[in-house]
């Protein structure tokens, strides 16, 4: 897409436990940006 000057931001959603397994087994674990979607605040659920 970038060759055609089109911005594209791929996002992959992974279950947290699956992601942890991926990180443990990946040599370049810091290469990808991550955003955690875990919920820890009851007020957000409210």
ModelCIF file with pLDDT and N, C-alpha, C, O atoms, coordinates in Angstrom:
data_MODEL
#
_entry.id   MODEL 
#
_entity.id                         1 
_entity.type                       polymer 
_entity.pdbx_number_of_molecules   1 
#
_entity_poly.entity_id                      1 
_entity_poly.type                           'polypeptide(L)' 
_entity_poly.nstd_linkage                   no 
_entity_poly.nstd_monomer                   no 
_entity_poly.pdbx_seq_one_letter_code       
;(UNK)(UNK)(UNK)(UNK)(UNK)(UNK)(UNK)(UNK)(UNK)(UNK)(UNK)(UNK)(UNK)(UNK)(UNK)(UNK)
(UNK)(UNK)(UNK)(UNK)(UNK)(UNK)(UNK)(UNK)(UNK)(UNK)(UNK)(UNK)(UNK)(UNK)(UNK)(UNK)
(UNK)(UNK)(UNK)(UNK)(UNK)(UNK)(UNK)(UNK)(UNK)(UNK)(UNK)(UNK)(UNK)(UNK)
;
_entity_poly.pdbx_seq_one_letter_code_can   XXXXXXXXXXXXXXXXXXXXXXXXXXXXXXXXXXXXXXXXXXXXXX 
_entity_poly.pdbx_strand_id                 A 
#
loop_
_entity_poly_seq.entity_id 
_entity_poly_seq.num 
_entity_poly_seq.mon_id 
_entity_poly_seq.hetero 
1 1  UNK n 
1 2  UNK n 
1 3  UNK n 
1 4  UNK n 
1 5  UNK n 
1 6  UNK n 
1 7  UNK n 
1 8  UNK n 
1 9  UNK n 
1 10 UNK n 
1 11 UNK n 
1 12 UNK n 
1 13 UNK n 
1 14 UNK n 
1 15 UNK n 
1 16 UNK n 
1 17 UNK n 
1 18 UNK n 
1 19 UNK n 
1 20 UNK n 
1 21 UNK n 
1 22 UNK n 
1 23 UNK n 
1 24 UNK n 
1 25 UNK n 
1 26 UNK n 
1 27 UNK n 
1 28 UNK n 
1 29 UNK n 
1 30 UNK n 
1 31 UNK n 
1 32 UNK n 
1 33 UNK n 
1 34 UNK n 
1 35 UNK n 
1 36 UNK n 
1 37 UNK n 
1 38 UNK n 
1 39 UNK n 
1 40 UNK n 
1 41 UNK n 
1 42 UNK n 
1 43 UNK n 
1 44 UNK n 
1 45 UNK n 
1 46 UNK n 
#
_struct_asym.id          A 
_struct_asym.entity_id   1 
#
loop_
_ma_qa_metric.id 
_ma_qa_metric.mode 
_ma_qa_metric.name 
_ma_qa_metric.software_group_id 
_ma_qa_metric.type 
1 global pLDDT . pLDDT 
2 local  pLDDT . pLDDT 
#
_ma_qa_metric_global.metric_id      1 
_ma_qa_metric_global.metric_value   80.13 
_ma_qa_metric_global.model_id       1 
_ma_qa_metric_global.ordinal_id     1 
#
loop_
_ma_qa_metric_local.label_asym_id 
_ma_qa_metric_local.label_comp_id 
_ma_qa_metric_local.label_seq_id 
_ma_qa_metric_local.metric_id 
_ma_qa_metric_local.metric_value 
_ma_qa_metric_local.model_id 
_ma_qa_metric_local.ordinal_id 
A UNK 1  2 96.00 1 1  
A UNK 2  2 94.00 1 2  
A UNK 3  2 94.00 1 3  
A UNK 4  2 94.00 1 4  
A UNK 5  2 93.00 1 5  
A UNK 6  2 94.00 1 6  
A UNK 7  2 92.00 1 7  
A UNK 8  2 92.00 1 8  
A UNK 9  2 90.00 1 9  
A UNK 10 2 90.00 1 10 
A UNK 11 2 90.00 1 11 
A UNK 12 2 89.00 1 12 
A UNK 13 2 87.00 1 13 
A UNK 14 2 84.00 1 14 
A UNK 15 2 77.00 1 15 
A UNK 16 2 75.00 1 16 
A UNK 17 2 70.00 1 17 
A UNK 18 2 77.00 1 18 
A UNK 19 2 79.00 1 19 
A UNK 20 2 75.00 1 20 
A UNK 21 2 75.00 1 21 
A UNK 22 2 78.00 1 22 
A UNK 23 2 75.00 1 23 
A UNK 24 2 69.00 1 24 
A UNK 25 2 70.00 1 25 
A UNK 26 2 68.00 1 26 
A UNK 27 2 65.00 1 27 
A UNK 28 2 64.00 1 28 
A UNK 29 2 59.00 1 29 
A UNK 30 2 61.00 1 30 
A UNK 31 2 66.00 1 31 
A UNK 32 2 68.00 1 32 
A UNK 33 2 73.00 1 33 
A UNK 34 2 76.00 1 34 
A UNK 35 2 77.00 1 35 
A UNK 36 2 74.00 1 36 
A UNK 37 2 73.00 1 37 
A UNK 38 2 74.00 1 38 
A UNK 39 2 79.00 1 39 
A UNK 40 2 80.00 1 40 
A UNK 41 2 84.00 1 41 
A UNK 42 2 87.00 1 42 
A UNK 43 2 88.00 1 43 
A UNK 44 2 89.00 1 44 
A UNK 45 2 91.00 1 45 
A UNK 46 2 91.00 1 46 
#
loop_
_atom_site.group_PDB 
_atom_site.id 
_atom_site.type_symbol 
_atom_site.label_atom_id 
_atom_site.label_alt_id 
_atom_site.label_comp_id 
_atom_site.label_asym_id 
_atom_site.label_entity_id 
_atom_site.label_seq_id 
_atom_site.pdbx_PDB_ins_code 
_atom_site.Cartn_x 
_atom_site.Cartn_y 
_atom_site.Cartn_z 
_atom_site.occupancy 
_atom_site.B_iso_or_equiv 
_atom_site.pdbx_formal_charge 
_atom_site.auth_seq_id 
_atom_site.auth_comp_id 
_atom_site.auth_asym_id 
_atom_site.auth_atom_id 
_atom_site.pdbx_PDB_model_num 
ATOM 1   N N  . UNK A 1 1  ? 0.830   -1.212  0.000  1.00 96.00 ? 1  UNK A N  1 
ATOM 2   C CA . UNK A 1 1  ? 0.000   0.000   0.000  1.00 96.00 ? 1  UNK A CA 1 
ATOM 3   C C  . UNK A 1 1  ? 0.859   1.255   0.000  1.00 96.00 ? 1  UNK A C  1 
ATOM 4   O O  . UNK A 1 1  ? 0.524   2.245   -0.649 1.00 96.00 ? 1  UNK A O  1 
ATOM 5   N N  . UNK A 1 2  ? 1.984   1.209   0.740  1.00 94.00 ? 2  UNK A N  1 
ATOM 6   C CA . UNK A 1 2  ? 2.857   2.377   0.822  1.00 94.00 ? 2  UNK A CA 1 
ATOM 7   C C  . UNK A 1 2  ? 3.464   2.714   -0.539 1.00 94.00 ? 2  UNK A C  1 
ATOM 8   O O  . UNK A 1 2  ? 3.720   3.882   -0.831 1.00 94.00 ? 2  UNK A O  1 
ATOM 9   N N  . UNK A 1 3  ? 3.697   1.696   -1.376 1.00 94.00 ? 3  UNK A N  1 
ATOM 10  C CA . UNK A 1 3  ? 4.231   1.967   -2.720 1.00 94.00 ? 3  UNK A CA 1 
ATOM 11  C C  . UNK A 1 3  ? 3.244   2.801   -3.531 1.00 94.00 ? 3  UNK A C  1 
ATOM 12  O O  . UNK A 1 3  ? 3.641   3.536   -4.435 1.00 94.00 ? 3  UNK A O  1 
ATOM 13  N N  . UNK A 1 4  ? 1.966   2.685   -3.207 1.00 94.00 ? 4  UNK A N  1 
ATOM 14  C CA . UNK A 1 4  ? 0.940   3.472   -3.895 1.00 94.00 ? 4  UNK A CA 1 
ATOM 15  C C  . UNK A 1 4  ? 0.561   4.718   -3.093 1.00 94.00 ? 4  UNK A C  1 
ATOM 16  O O  . UNK A 1 4  ? -0.449  5.369   -3.362 1.00 94.00 ? 4  UNK A O  1 
ATOM 17  N N  . UNK A 1 5  ? 1.406   5.034   -2.095 1.00 93.00 ? 5  UNK A N  1 
ATOM 18  C CA . UNK A 1 5  ? 1.207   6.222   -1.255 1.00 93.00 ? 5  UNK A CA 1 
ATOM 19  C C  . UNK A 1 5  ? -0.144  6.191   -0.533 1.00 93.00 ? 5  UNK A C  1 
ATOM 20  O O  . UNK A 1 5  ? -0.827  7.207   -0.412 1.00 93.00 ? 5  UNK A O  1 
ATOM 21  N N  . UNK A 1 6  ? -0.502  5.013   -0.066 1.00 94.00 ? 6  UNK A N  1 
ATOM 22  C CA . UNK A 1 6  ? -1.722  4.843   0.725  1.00 94.00 ? 6  UNK A CA 1 
ATOM 23  C C  . UNK A 1 6  ? -1.311  4.393   2.126  1.00 94.00 ? 6  UNK A C  1 
ATOM 24  O O  . UNK A 1 6  ? -0.656  3.365   2.297  1.00 94.00 ? 6  UNK A O  1 
ATOM 25  N N  . UNK A 1 7  ? -1.708  5.179   3.118  1.00 92.00 ? 7  UNK A N  1 
ATOM 26  C CA . UNK A 1 7  ? -1.388  4.831   4.503  1.00 92.00 ? 7  UNK A CA 1 
ATOM 27  C C  . UNK A 1 7  ? -2.252  3.664   4.968  1.00 92.00 ? 7  UNK A C  1 
ATOM 28  O O  . UNK A 1 7  ? -3.469  3.670   4.785  1.00 92.00 ? 7  UNK A O  1 
ATOM 29  N N  . UNK A 1 8  ? -1.623  2.681   5.561  1.00 92.00 ? 8  UNK A N  1 
ATOM 30  C CA . UNK A 1 8  ? -2.354  1.525   6.087  1.00 92.00 ? 8  UNK A CA 1 
ATOM 31  C C  . UNK A 1 8  ? -1.753  1.146   7.433  1.00 92.00 ? 8  UNK A C  1 
ATOM 32  O O  . UNK A 1 8  ? -0.538  1.018   7.578  1.00 92.00 ? 8  UNK A O  1 
ATOM 33  N N  . UNK A 1 9  ? -2.631  0.972   8.411  1.00 90.00 ? 9  UNK A N  1 
ATOM 34  C CA . UNK A 1 9  ? -2.181  0.577   9.745  1.00 90.00 ? 9  UNK A CA 1 
ATOM 35  C C  . UNK A 1 9  ? -2.821  -0.760  10.117 1.00 90.00 ? 9  UNK A C  1 
ATOM 36  O O  . UNK A 1 9  ? -3.958  -0.788  10.587 1.00 90.00 ? 9  UNK A O  1 
ATOM 37  N N  . UNK A 1 10 ? -2.108  -1.859  9.912  1.00 90.00 ? 10 UNK A N  1 
ATOM 38  C CA . UNK A 1 10 ? -2.675  -3.173  10.262 1.00 90.00 ? 10 UNK A CA 1 
ATOM 39  C C  . UNK A 1 10 ? -2.757  -3.338  11.788 1.00 90.00 ? 10 UNK A C  1 
ATOM 40  O O  . UNK A 1 10 ? -1.840  -2.958  12.516 1.00 90.00 ? 10 UNK A O  1 
ATOM 41  N N  . UNK A 1 11 ? -3.850  -3.902  12.244 1.00 90.00 ? 11 UNK A N  1 
ATOM 42  C CA . UNK A 1 11 ? -4.032  -4.186  13.664 1.00 90.00 ? 11 UNK A CA 1 
ATOM 43  C C  . UNK A 1 11 ? -4.438  -5.644  13.815 1.00 90.00 ? 11 UNK A C  1 
ATOM 44  O O  . UNK A 1 11 ? -5.372  -6.109  13.161 1.00 90.00 ? 11 UNK A O  1 
ATOM 45  N N  . UNK A 1 12 ? -3.737  -6.355  14.675 1.00 89.00 ? 12 UNK A N  1 
ATOM 46  C CA . UNK A 1 12 ? -4.051  -7.761  14.944 1.00 89.00 ? 12 UNK A CA 1 
ATOM 47  C C  . UNK A 1 12 ? -4.496  -7.867  16.403 1.00 89.00 ? 12 UNK A C  1 
ATOM 48  O O  . UNK A 1 12 ? -3.762  -7.478  17.312 1.00 89.00 ? 12 UNK A O  1 
ATOM 49  N N  . UNK A 1 13 ? -5.692  -8.392  16.617 1.00 87.00 ? 13 UNK A N  1 
ATOM 50  C CA . UNK A 1 13 ? -6.197  -8.592  17.970 1.00 87.00 ? 13 UNK A CA 1 
ATOM 51  C C  . UNK A 1 13 ? -5.879  -10.017 18.421 1.00 87.00 ? 13 UNK A C  1 
ATOM 52  O O  . UNK A 1 13 ? -6.243  -10.990 17.760 1.00 87.00 ? 13 UNK A O  1 
ATOM 53  N N  . UNK A 1 14 ? -5.185  -10.118 19.569 1.00 84.00 ? 14 UNK A N  1 
ATOM 54  C CA . UNK A 1 14 ? -4.833  -11.419 20.124 1.00 84.00 ? 14 UNK A CA 1 
ATOM 55  C C  . UNK A 1 14 ? -5.307  -11.501 21.567 1.00 84.00 ? 14 UNK A C  1 
ATOM 56  O O  . UNK A 1 14 ? -5.264  -10.521 22.311 1.00 84.00 ? 14 UNK A O  1 
ATOM 57  N N  . UNK A 1 15 ? -5.761  -12.690 21.945 1.00 77.00 ? 15 UNK A N  1 
ATOM 58  C CA . UNK A 1 15 ? -6.082  -12.904 23.352 1.00 77.00 ? 15 UNK A CA 1 
ATOM 59  C C  . UNK A 1 15 ? -4.789  -12.752 24.145 1.00 77.00 ? 15 UNK A C  1 
ATOM 60  O O  . UNK A 1 15 ? -3.717  -13.133 23.674 1.00 77.00 ? 15 UNK A O  1 
ATOM 61  N N  . UNK A 1 16 ? -4.891  -12.194 25.347 1.00 75.00 ? 16 UNK A N  1 
ATOM 62  C CA . UNK A 1 16 ? -3.704  -11.837 26.111 1.00 75.00 ? 16 UNK A CA 1 
ATOM 63  C C  . UNK A 1 16 ? -2.797  -13.032 26.377 1.00 75.00 ? 16 UNK A C  1 
ATOM 64  O O  . UNK A 1 16 ? -1.577  -12.915 26.263 1.00 75.00 ? 16 UNK A O  1 
ATOM 65  N N  . UNK A 1 17 ? -3.374  -14.178 26.728 1.00 70.00 ? 17 UNK A N  1 
ATOM 66  C CA . UNK A 1 17 ? -2.542  -15.341 27.030 1.00 70.00 ? 17 UNK A CA 1 
ATOM 67  C C  . UNK A 1 17 ? -1.818  -15.841 25.784 1.00 70.00 ? 17 UNK A C  1 
ATOM 68  O O  . UNK A 1 17 ? -0.687  -16.321 25.867 1.00 70.00 ? 17 UNK A O  1 
ATOM 69  N N  . UNK A 1 18 ? -2.479  -15.725 24.616 1.00 77.00 ? 18 UNK A N  1 
ATOM 70  C CA . UNK A 1 18 ? -1.846  -16.123 23.362 1.00 77.00 ? 18 UNK A CA 1 
ATOM 71  C C  . UNK A 1 18 ? -0.692  -15.175 23.043 1.00 77.00 ? 18 UNK A C  1 
ATOM 72  O O  . UNK A 1 18 ? 0.370   -15.598 22.586 1.00 77.00 ? 18 UNK A O  1 
ATOM 73  N N  . UNK A 1 19 ? -0.920  -13.892 23.291 1.00 79.00 ? 19 UNK A N  1 
ATOM 74  C CA . UNK A 1 19 ? 0.138   -12.905 23.051 1.00 79.00 ? 19 UNK A CA 1 
ATOM 75  C C  . UNK A 1 19 ? 1.361   -13.181 23.938 1.00 79.00 ? 19 UNK A C  1 
ATOM 76  O O  . UNK A 1 19 ? 2.501   -13.091 23.483 1.00 79.00 ? 19 UNK A O  1 
ATOM 77  N N  . UNK A 1 20 ? 1.105   -13.518 25.205 1.00 75.00 ? 20 UNK A N  1 
ATOM 78  C CA . UNK A 1 20 ? 2.218   -13.795 26.116 1.00 75.00 ? 20 UNK A CA 1 
ATOM 79  C C  . UNK A 1 20 ? 3.051   -14.974 25.608 1.00 75.00 ? 20 UNK A C  1 
ATOM 80  O O  . UNK A 1 20 ? 4.279   -14.943 25.678 1.00 75.00 ? 20 UNK A O  1 
ATOM 81  N N  . UNK A 1 21 ? 2.390   -15.998 25.104 1.00 75.00 ? 21 UNK A N  1 
ATOM 82  C CA . UNK A 1 21 ? 3.115   -17.145 24.542 1.00 75.00 ? 21 UNK A CA 1 
ATOM 83  C C  . UNK A 1 21 ? 3.935   -16.732 23.327 1.00 75.00 ? 21 UNK A C  1 
ATOM 84  O O  . UNK A 1 21 ? 5.060   -17.194 23.140 1.00 75.00 ? 21 UNK A O  1 
ATOM 85  N N  . UNK A 1 22 ? 3.364   -15.861 22.505 1.00 78.00 ? 22 UNK A N  1 
ATOM 86  C CA . UNK A 1 22 ? 4.064   -15.370 21.316 1.00 78.00 ? 22 UNK A CA 1 
ATOM 87  C C  . UNK A 1 22 ? 5.318   -14.601 21.708 1.00 78.00 ? 22 UNK A C  1 
ATOM 88  O O  . UNK A 1 22 ? 6.377   -14.769 21.104 1.00 78.00 ? 22 UNK A O  1 
ATOM 89  N N  . UNK A 1 23 ? 5.186   -13.749 22.736 1.00 75.00 ? 23 UNK A N  1 
ATOM 90  C CA . UNK A 1 23 ? 6.316   -12.936 23.180 1.00 75.00 ? 23 UNK A CA 1 
ATOM 91  C C  . UNK A 1 23 ? 7.437   -13.818 23.719 1.00 75.00 ? 23 UNK A C  1 
ATOM 92  O O  . UNK A 1 23 ? 8.612   -13.604 23.421 1.00 75.00 ? 23 UNK A O  1 
ATOM 93  N N  . UNK A 1 24 ? 7.052   -14.815 24.520 1.00 69.00 ? 24 UNK A N  1 
ATOM 94  C CA . UNK A 1 24 ? 8.060   -15.701 25.118 1.00 69.00 ? 24 UNK A CA 1 
ATOM 95  C C  . UNK A 1 24 ? 8.871   -16.415 24.044 1.00 69.00 ? 24 UNK A C  1 
ATOM 96  O O  . UNK A 1 24 ? 10.071  -16.632 24.214 1.00 69.00 ? 24 UNK A O  1 
ATOM 97  N N  . UNK A 1 25 ? 8.223   -16.783 22.936 1.00 70.00 ? 25 UNK A N  1 
ATOM 98  C CA . UNK A 1 25 ? 8.878   -17.570 21.897 1.00 70.00 ? 25 UNK A CA 1 
ATOM 99  C C  . UNK A 1 25 ? 9.425   -16.732 20.747 1.00 70.00 ? 25 UNK A C  1 
ATOM 100 O O  . UNK A 1 25 ? 9.889   -17.284 19.749 1.00 70.00 ? 25 UNK A O  1 
ATOM 101 N N  . UNK A 1 26 ? 9.377   -15.398 20.872 1.00 68.00 ? 26 UNK A N  1 
ATOM 102 C CA . UNK A 1 26 ? 9.826   -14.533 19.778 1.00 68.00 ? 26 UNK A CA 1 
ATOM 103 C C  . UNK A 1 26 ? 11.160  -13.867 20.114 1.00 68.00 ? 26 UNK A C  1 
ATOM 104 O O  . UNK A 1 26 ? 11.285  -13.239 21.166 1.00 68.00 ? 26 UNK A O  1 
ATOM 105 N N  . UNK A 1 27 ? 12.154  -13.993 19.241 1.00 65.00 ? 27 UNK A N  1 
ATOM 106 C CA . UNK A 1 27 ? 13.452  -13.347 19.500 1.00 65.00 ? 27 UNK A CA 1 
ATOM 107 C C  . UNK A 1 27 ? 13.390  -11.831 19.332 1.00 65.00 ? 27 UNK A C  1 
ATOM 108 O O  . UNK A 1 27 ? 14.148  -11.112 19.983 1.00 65.00 ? 27 UNK A O  1 
ATOM 109 N N  . UNK A 1 28 ? 12.495  -11.328 18.462 1.00 64.00 ? 28 UNK A N  1 
ATOM 110 C CA . UNK A 1 28 ? 12.402  -9.889  18.223 1.00 64.00 ? 28 UNK A CA 1 
ATOM 111 C C  . UNK A 1 28 ? 11.118  -9.337  18.836 1.00 64.00 ? 28 UNK A C  1 
ATOM 112 O O  . UNK A 1 28 ? 10.309  -8.701  18.160 1.00 64.00 ? 28 UNK A O  1 
ATOM 113 N N  . UNK A 1 29 ? 10.950  -9.599  20.140 1.00 59.00 ? 29 UNK A N  1 
ATOM 114 C CA . UNK A 1 29 ? 9.678   -9.321  20.804 1.00 59.00 ? 29 UNK A CA 1 
ATOM 115 C C  . UNK A 1 29 ? 9.347   -7.838  20.908 1.00 59.00 ? 29 UNK A C  1 
ATOM 116 O O  . UNK A 1 29 ? 8.187   -7.492  21.131 1.00 59.00 ? 29 UNK A O  1 
ATOM 117 N N  . UNK A 1 30 ? 10.313  -6.961  20.755 1.00 61.00 ? 30 UNK A N  1 
ATOM 118 C CA . UNK A 1 30 ? 10.051  -5.530  20.873 1.00 61.00 ? 30 UNK A CA 1 
ATOM 119 C C  . UNK A 1 30 ? 9.788   -4.865  19.528 1.00 61.00 ? 30 UNK A C  1 
ATOM 120 O O  . UNK A 1 30 ? 9.633   -3.645  19.458 1.00 61.00 ? 30 UNK A O  1 
ATOM 121 N N  . UNK A 1 31 ? 9.736   -5.648  18.476 1.00 66.00 ? 31 UNK A N  1 
ATOM 122 C CA . UNK A 1 31 ? 9.635   -5.071  17.137 1.00 66.00 ? 31 UNK A CA 1 
ATOM 123 C C  . UNK A 1 31 ? 8.249   -4.514  16.855 1.00 66.00 ? 31 UNK A C  1 
ATOM 124 O O  . UNK A 1 31 ? 8.119   -3.521  16.139 1.00 66.00 ? 31 UNK A O  1 
ATOM 125 N N  . UNK A 1 32 ? 7.212   -5.138  17.405 1.00 68.00 ? 32 UNK A N  1 
ATOM 126 C CA . UNK A 1 32 ? 5.846   -4.712  17.134 1.00 68.00 ? 32 UNK A CA 1 
ATOM 127 C C  . UNK A 1 32 ? 5.317   -3.848  18.273 1.00 68.00 ? 32 UNK A C  1 
ATOM 128 O O  . UNK A 1 32 ? 5.577   -4.125  19.444 1.00 68.00 ? 32 UNK A O  1 
ATOM 129 N N  . UNK A 1 33 ? 4.579   -2.807  17.926 1.00 73.00 ? 33 UNK A N  1 
ATOM 130 C CA . UNK A 1 33 ? 3.926   -1.982  18.941 1.00 73.00 ? 33 UNK A CA 1 
ATOM 131 C C  . UNK A 1 33 ? 2.711   -2.722  19.485 1.00 73.00 ? 33 UNK A C  1 
ATOM 132 O O  . UNK A 1 33 ? 2.041   -3.448  18.751 1.00 73.00 ? 33 UNK A O  1 
ATOM 133 N N  . UNK A 1 34 ? 2.430   -2.538  20.771 1.00 76.00 ? 34 UNK A N  1 
ATOM 134 C CA . UNK A 1 34 ? 1.285   -3.229  21.360 1.00 76.00 ? 34 UNK A CA 1 
ATOM 135 C C  . UNK A 1 34 ? 0.463   -2.245  22.190 1.00 76.00 ? 34 UNK A C  1 
ATOM 136 O O  . UNK A 1 34 ? 0.980   -1.267  22.728 1.00 76.00 ? 34 UNK A O  1 
ATOM 137 N N  . UNK A 1 35 ? -0.811  -2.533  22.272 1.00 77.00 ? 35 UNK A N  1 
ATOM 138 C CA . UNK A 1 35 ? -1.737  -1.778  23.117 1.00 77.00 ? 35 UNK A CA 1 
ATOM 139 C C  . UNK A 1 35 ? -2.560  -2.793  23.890 1.00 77.00 ? 35 UNK A C  1 
ATOM 140 O O  . UNK A 1 35 ? -3.199  -3.658  23.292 1.00 77.00 ? 35 UNK A O  1 
ATOM 141 N N  . UNK A 1 36 ? -2.552  -2.696  25.217 1.00 74.00 ? 36 UNK A N  1 
ATOM 142 C CA . UNK A 1 36 ? -3.299  -3.638  26.042 1.00 74.00 ? 36 UNK A CA 1 
ATOM 143 C C  . UNK A 1 36 ? -4.751  -3.192  26.156 1.00 74.00 ? 36 UNK A C  1 
ATOM 144 O O  . UNK A 1 36 ? -5.037  -2.019  26.395 1.00 74.00 ? 36 UNK A O  1 
ATOM 145 N N  . UNK A 1 37 ? -5.657  -4.138  25.984 1.00 73.00 ? 37 UNK A N  1 
ATOM 146 C CA . UNK A 1 37 ? -7.082  -3.850  26.091 1.00 73.00 ? 37 UNK A CA 1 
ATOM 147 C C  . UNK A 1 37 ? -7.679  -4.486  27.339 1.00 73.00 ? 37 UNK A C  1 
ATOM 148 O O  . UNK A 1 37 ? -8.889  -4.698  27.418 1.00 73.00 ? 37 UNK A O  1 
ATOM 149 N N  . UNK A 1 38 ? -6.820  -4.791  28.317 1.00 74.00 ? 38 UNK A N  1 
ATOM 150 C CA . UNK A 1 38 ? -7.307  -5.396  29.552 1.00 74.00 ? 38 UNK A CA 1 
ATOM 151 C C  . UNK A 1 38 ? -8.104  -4.378  30.361 1.00 74.00 ? 38 UNK A C  1 
ATOM 152 O O  . UNK A 1 38 ? -7.852  -3.174  30.303 1.00 74.00 ? 38 UNK A O  1 
ATOM 153 N N  . UNK A 1 39 ? -9.066  -4.891  31.113 1.00 79.00 ? 39 UNK A N  1 
ATOM 154 C CA . UNK A 1 39 ? -9.918  -4.049  31.944 1.00 79.00 ? 39 UNK A CA 1 
ATOM 155 C C  . UNK A 1 39 ? -9.570  -4.279  33.405 1.00 79.00 ? 39 UNK A C  1 
ATOM 156 O O  . UNK A 1 39 ? -9.620  -5.407  33.897 1.00 79.00 ? 39 UNK A O  1 
ATOM 157 N N  . UNK A 1 40 ? -9.217  -3.203  34.091 1.00 80.00 ? 40 UNK A N  1 
ATOM 158 C CA . UNK A 1 40 ? -8.851  -3.309  35.505 1.00 80.00 ? 40 UNK A CA 1 
ATOM 159 C C  . UNK A 1 40 ? -9.660  -2.363  36.382 1.00 80.00 ? 40 UNK A C  1 
ATOM 160 O O  . UNK A 1 40 ? -9.617  -2.474  37.607 1.00 80.00 ? 40 UNK A O  1 
ATOM 161 N N  . UNK A 1 41 ? -10.395 -1.435  35.779 1.00 84.00 ? 41 UNK A N  1 
ATOM 162 C CA . UNK A 1 41 ? -11.108 -0.416  36.531 1.00 84.00 ? 41 UNK A CA 1 
ATOM 163 C C  . UNK A 1 41 ? -12.616 -0.672  36.470 1.00 84.00 ? 41 UNK A C  1 
ATOM 164 O O  . UNK A 1 41 ? -13.203 -0.580  35.392 1.00 84.00 ? 41 UNK A O  1 
ATOM 165 N N  . UNK A 1 42 ? -13.260 -0.992  37.605 1.00 87.00 ? 42 UNK A N  1 
ATOM 166 C CA . UNK A 1 42 ? -14.718 -1.218  37.610 1.00 87.00 ? 42 UNK A CA 1 
ATOM 167 C C  . UNK A 1 42 ? -15.513 -0.010  37.108 1.00 87.00 ? 42 UNK A C  1 
ATOM 168 O O  . UNK A 1 42 ? -16.601 -0.171  36.555 1.00 87.00 ? 42 UNK A O  1 
ATOM 169 N N  . UNK A 1 43 ? -14.973 1.200   37.299 1.00 88.00 ? 43 UNK A N  1 
ATOM 170 C CA . UNK A 1 43 ? -15.691 2.396   36.848 1.00 88.00 ? 43 UNK A CA 1 
ATOM 171 C C  . UNK A 1 43 ? -15.844 2.423   35.331 1.00 88.00 ? 43 UNK A C  1 
ATOM 172 O O  . UNK A 1 43 ? -16.824 2.958   34.813 1.00 88.00 ? 43 UNK A O  1 
ATOM 173 N N  . UNK A 1 44 ? -14.873 1.847   34.617 1.00 89.00 ? 44 UNK A N  1 
ATOM 174 C CA . UNK A 1 44 ? -14.989 1.782   33.160 1.00 89.00 ? 44 UNK A CA 1 
ATOM 175 C C  . UNK A 1 44 ? -16.108 0.823   32.748 1.00 89.00 ? 44 UNK A C  1 
ATOM 176 O O  . UNK A 1 44 ? -16.815 1.062   31.769 1.00 89.00 ? 44 UNK A O  1 
ATOM 177 N N  . UNK A 1 45 ? -16.257 -0.257  33.505 1.00 91.00 ? 45 UNK A N  1 
ATOM 178 C CA . UNK A 1 45 ? -17.345 -1.181  33.220 1.00 91.00 ? 45 UNK A CA 1 
ATOM 179 C C  . UNK A 1 45 ? -18.697 -0.536  33.530 1.00 91.00 ? 45 UNK A C  1 
ATOM 180 O O  . UNK A 1 45 ? -19.684 -0.775  32.834 1.00 91.00 ? 45 UNK A O  1 
ATOM 181 N N  . UNK A 1 46 ? -18.726 0.276   34.570 1.00 91.00 ? 46 UNK A N  1 
ATOM 182 C CA . UNK A 1 46 ? -19.944 1.035   34.860 1.00 91.00 ? 46 UNK A CA 1 
ATOM 183 C C  . UNK A 1 46 ? -20.304 1.936   33.681 1.00 91.00 ? 46 UNK A C  1 
ATOM 184 O O  . UNK A 1 46 ? -21.301 2.655   33.735 1.00 91.00 ? 46 UNK A O  1 
#
